[in-house]
């Protein structure tokens, strides 16, 4: 049995087992603190009976007008707790918060190569909205992976009953265009 609770600063000292997984994007402490300060309602932890962090989700609300939306910044579940519905539970929580914030949709970015994540998000009702060229930086060191494209996946919420937020003006954009639309 697990509980969902707000992510706190103390969790930054307890979530390494979740973050050491190669499927998890890692960020600096200041990044997590920014989310806890600006969007605390979007920061949720799934905690096990003995206090271990089973997974977490961080997000935010952003945009204007019909582009007002919830955004999943990171979702991760510890390997030993995968395939138990934890990711779906955390996503449902973020979607509920986005509904309460009167958002039109929820979006997230996923690596084009991450077939497992794409399949999972599609099973949660998300669809590919557009492709973002070279969204994920590969690195400058020799033998670093190349830059990788991302899919912007979306799910319309109740404020967008016709699904207008799922119709892209352009199917492929450059990273520089991401915040100019």
Protein backbone atom coordinates (compact mmCIF):
# COMPACT_ATOMS: atom_id res chain seq x y z
CA UNK A 1 0.00 0.00 0.00
CA UNK A 2 1.23 3.48 -0.80
CA UNK A 3 0.12 7.02 -0.14
CA UNK A 4 0.34 10.13 -2.25
CA UNK A 5 1.61 13.19 -0.45
CA UNK A 6 3.20 16.53 -1.28
CA UNK A 7 6.86 16.44 -2.32
CA UNK A 8 8.94 18.25 0.32
CA UNK A 9 12.50 19.54 0.56
CA UNK A 10 13.37 16.56 2.80
CA UNK A 11 12.55 14.24 -0.09
CA UNK A 12 15.56 15.63 -1.96
CA UNK A 13 17.69 13.56 0.44
CA UNK A 14 15.64 10.39 -0.03
CA UNK A 15 14.96 10.03 -3.74
CA UNK A 16 18.36 8.85 -5.03
CA UNK A 17 17.24 5.25 -5.51
CA UNK A 18 14.56 6.47 -7.86
CA UNK A 19 16.83 8.94 -9.67
CA UNK A 20 19.74 6.57 -10.29
CA UNK A 21 17.63 4.72 -12.82
CA UNK A 22 18.89 5.30 -16.40
CA UNK A 23 15.36 6.13 -17.63
CA UNK A 24 15.12 9.11 -15.25
CA UNK A 25 16.18 12.61 -16.27
CA UNK A 26 18.25 14.13 -13.47
CA UNK A 27 18.31 17.78 -12.49
CA UNK A 28 20.19 19.96 -10.00
CA UNK A 29 18.82 20.71 -6.54
CA UNK A 30 17.94 24.27 -7.58
CA UNK A 31 15.65 22.88 -10.29
CA UNK A 32 13.63 20.84 -7.77
CA UNK A 33 13.52 23.77 -5.34
CA UNK A 34 12.18 26.04 -8.09
CA UNK A 35 9.27 23.64 -8.63
CA UNK A 36 8.60 23.25 -4.92
CA UNK A 37 8.54 27.03 -4.52
CA UNK A 38 6.51 27.97 -7.62
CA UNK A 39 4.20 24.98 -8.17
CA UNK A 40 4.01 23.01 -4.90
CA UNK A 41 0.56 21.63 -5.74
CA UNK A 42 2.10 19.92 -8.80
CA UNK A 43 4.83 18.13 -6.82
CA UNK A 44 3.69 14.73 -5.53
CA UNK A 45 5.45 11.71 -4.01
CA UNK A 46 4.21 8.12 -3.81
CA UNK A 47 5.49 6.78 -0.50
CA UNK A 48 5.59 3.17 0.61
CA UNK A 49 4.66 1.81 4.05
CA UNK A 50 8.22 2.02 5.37
CA UNK A 51 8.67 5.61 4.13
CA UNK A 52 10.57 4.78 0.94
CA UNK A 53 9.90 6.89 -2.13
CA UNK A 54 8.28 4.68 -4.74
CA UNK A 55 7.97 7.42 -7.34
CA UNK A 56 7.24 11.09 -7.87
CA UNK A 57 5.90 13.59 -10.36
CA UNK A 58 6.75 17.26 -10.83
CA UNK A 59 4.81 19.61 -13.03
CA UNK A 60 3.49 23.10 -13.44
CA UNK A 61 0.77 25.14 -15.07
CA UNK A 62 1.71 27.61 -17.78
CA UNK A 63 0.51 29.38 -20.92
CA UNK A 64 -2.22 31.90 -21.65
CA UNK A 65 -5.74 31.73 -23.00
CA UNK A 66 -6.50 28.43 -24.70
CA UNK A 67 -2.83 27.46 -24.24
CA UNK A 68 -3.25 27.44 -20.42
CA UNK A 69 -2.17 23.92 -19.51
CA UNK A 70 -0.63 21.56 -17.03
CA UNK A 71 2.83 20.29 -17.89
CA UNK A 72 4.46 17.07 -16.68
CA UNK A 73 8.10 17.97 -16.14
CA UNK A 74 9.22 14.64 -14.75
CA UNK A 75 7.56 11.39 -13.77
CA UNK A 76 9.55 8.50 -12.40
CA UNK A 77 8.81 5.29 -10.56
CA UNK A 78 11.48 3.19 -8.87
CA UNK A 79 12.18 0.01 -10.89
CA UNK A 80 10.88 -2.35 -8.18
CA UNK A 81 7.50 -0.54 -8.17
CA UNK A 82 6.95 -0.38 -11.94
CA UNK A 83 4.02 -2.12 -13.65
CA UNK A 84 1.87 -1.71 -10.53
CA UNK A 85 -0.09 1.33 -11.75
CA UNK A 86 1.99 3.88 -9.81
CA UNK A 87 2.75 6.03 -12.88
CA UNK A 88 -0.95 6.08 -13.78
CA UNK A 89 -1.86 7.09 -10.22
CA UNK A 90 0.67 9.94 -10.25
CA UNK A 91 -0.49 11.11 -13.70
CA UNK A 92 -4.12 11.07 -12.56
CA UNK A 93 -3.15 13.26 -9.61
CA UNK A 94 -1.45 15.82 -11.87
CA UNK A 95 -4.41 15.79 -14.27
CA UNK A 96 -6.80 16.38 -11.37
CA UNK A 97 -4.72 19.36 -10.22
CA UNK A 98 -4.70 20.69 -13.80
CA UNK A 99 -8.50 20.36 -13.95
CA UNK A 100 -8.73 22.35 -10.69
CA UNK A 101 -6.48 25.00 -12.24
CA UNK A 102 -8.94 25.20 -15.19
CA UNK A 103 -6.33 24.03 -17.71
CA UNK A 104 -7.30 23.08 -21.26
CA UNK A 105 -4.87 20.17 -21.55
CA UNK A 106 -1.85 18.44 -20.02
CA UNK A 107 1.32 17.99 -22.02
CA UNK A 108 4.66 16.27 -21.58
CA UNK A 109 7.81 15.68 -23.59
CA UNK A 110 9.25 12.23 -24.22
CA UNK A 111 12.30 11.06 -26.15
CA UNK A 112 11.38 9.82 -29.62
CA UNK A 113 13.36 6.63 -28.88
CA UNK A 114 11.53 5.87 -25.60
CA UNK A 115 8.97 3.40 -26.93
CA UNK A 116 8.04 2.13 -23.45
CA UNK A 117 7.10 5.63 -22.24
CA UNK A 118 5.24 6.48 -25.47
CA UNK A 119 3.18 3.31 -25.18
CA UNK A 120 2.45 3.99 -21.51
CA UNK A 121 1.33 7.58 -22.11
CA UNK A 122 -0.85 6.52 -25.04
CA UNK A 123 -2.55 4.01 -22.72
CA UNK A 124 -3.28 6.96 -20.39
CA UNK A 125 -5.05 8.82 -23.23
CA UNK A 126 -2.17 10.99 -24.51
CA UNK A 127 -1.44 11.44 -28.20
CA UNK A 128 1.53 12.82 -30.09
CA UNK A 129 0.89 16.49 -30.80
CA UNK A 130 4.17 17.37 -32.54
CA UNK A 131 7.86 16.58 -32.76
CA UNK A 132 10.51 18.94 -31.34
CA UNK A 133 13.83 18.71 -33.18
CA UNK A 134 16.91 18.17 -30.97
CA UNK A 135 15.06 18.92 -27.72
CA UNK A 136 17.30 16.63 -25.63
CA UNK A 137 20.97 17.62 -25.68
CA UNK A 138 23.38 14.74 -26.17
CA UNK A 139 26.59 16.29 -24.86
CA UNK A 140 29.85 17.62 -26.24
CA UNK A 141 32.25 14.95 -24.97
CA UNK A 142 33.61 12.30 -27.33
CA UNK A 143 31.28 9.28 -27.57
CA UNK A 144 28.38 11.31 -26.14
CA UNK A 145 24.99 10.39 -27.55
CA UNK A 146 23.71 12.71 -30.28
CA UNK A 147 20.99 15.26 -29.64
CA UNK A 148 17.57 13.64 -29.70
CA UNK A 149 14.13 14.80 -30.78
CA UNK A 150 11.19 14.79 -28.40
CA UNK A 151 7.51 14.20 -28.90
CA UNK A 152 5.17 16.71 -27.31
CA UNK A 153 2.29 14.48 -26.13
CA UNK A 154 -1.04 15.93 -25.01
CA UNK A 155 -4.31 14.98 -23.40
CA UNK A 156 -7.30 17.31 -23.56
CA UNK A 157 -9.08 18.09 -20.29
CA UNK A 158 -12.75 18.89 -19.66
CA UNK A 159 -12.25 22.59 -20.51
CA UNK A 160 -11.47 21.49 -24.09
CA UNK A 161 -14.34 19.11 -24.90
CA UNK A 162 -13.75 19.38 -28.66
CA UNK A 163 -10.03 18.53 -28.37
CA UNK A 164 -8.85 21.70 -30.13
CA UNK A 165 -5.66 21.64 -28.07
CA UNK A 166 -4.70 18.37 -29.77
CA UNK A 167 -4.54 19.85 -33.29
CA UNK A 168 -1.04 21.12 -34.07
CA UNK A 169 -0.41 24.02 -36.45
CA UNK A 170 2.97 22.46 -37.29
CA UNK A 171 3.81 18.77 -36.81
CA UNK A 172 7.58 19.38 -36.49
CA UNK A 173 9.16 22.40 -34.81
CA UNK A 174 12.64 23.48 -33.79
CA UNK A 175 13.45 23.88 -30.10
CA UNK A 176 13.77 27.63 -30.66
CA UNK A 177 10.13 27.76 -31.79
CA UNK A 178 8.87 26.00 -28.68
CA UNK A 179 8.22 29.09 -26.58
CA UNK A 180 7.49 31.51 -29.42
CA UNK A 181 4.13 29.88 -30.30
